[in-house]
Amino acid sequence: MKKGDLIDLLMAINSVADVKGVKFAYGLARNKKIIQAELKVINESVEKLSPELQKVNSEFELRRIALAGKFAVKNNKGLPIKQIIGGREKFQIADSEGFQKELDKLKENYKELFEELNRLEEVNNPLMEEDVDIKLFKIKQVDFHDELSLNQLEPIMELIE
């Protein structure tokens, strides 16, 4: 497993945190602690956005999420439908082409941010591509609850014995 995969695994753990079962919850909690400790070390090692660009990035993300909500498939109450994909909550987009067109326009207004994000990716990517040397706590299949779906189970496969 690569260091960069730890973030996705932590998000996957968080996405199934409400699933029932004491042994399952214990296994998730142990792995969450292991991963968080490693991510703390990684976070201290990587180069980050300046505080000013962090604010700009937050502003962009809010606008991007609002845009995704605008182009999302809506439920019978008119609310955007979200789904869990790879441990991440995402909108189900109805008009991908329209969304992408509007997103590209939005990104043009944040050119400096994306230039810096690309530079940071180039600088930090070698570290994130390194293999991580951690021992995860394996959860036995018998400790799983029946309510786990494939979309919930697939991202945490690394944790299954």
Foldseek 3Di string as FASTA:
>chain_A
DFQLLLVLLLLLLVLCCPFDFPLSNVQSVQQNVQSVVSVVVLVVVADDDDPVLVVVVVVLVVVLQVLQQVQADADPVRGFDWDQASSDIGTHGPDVVVSVVVNVVSVVVVVVSVVVVVVRCVVSVVRRGDDDDDDGAAGEPVRGDPPDDCRSCVNNVVRHD
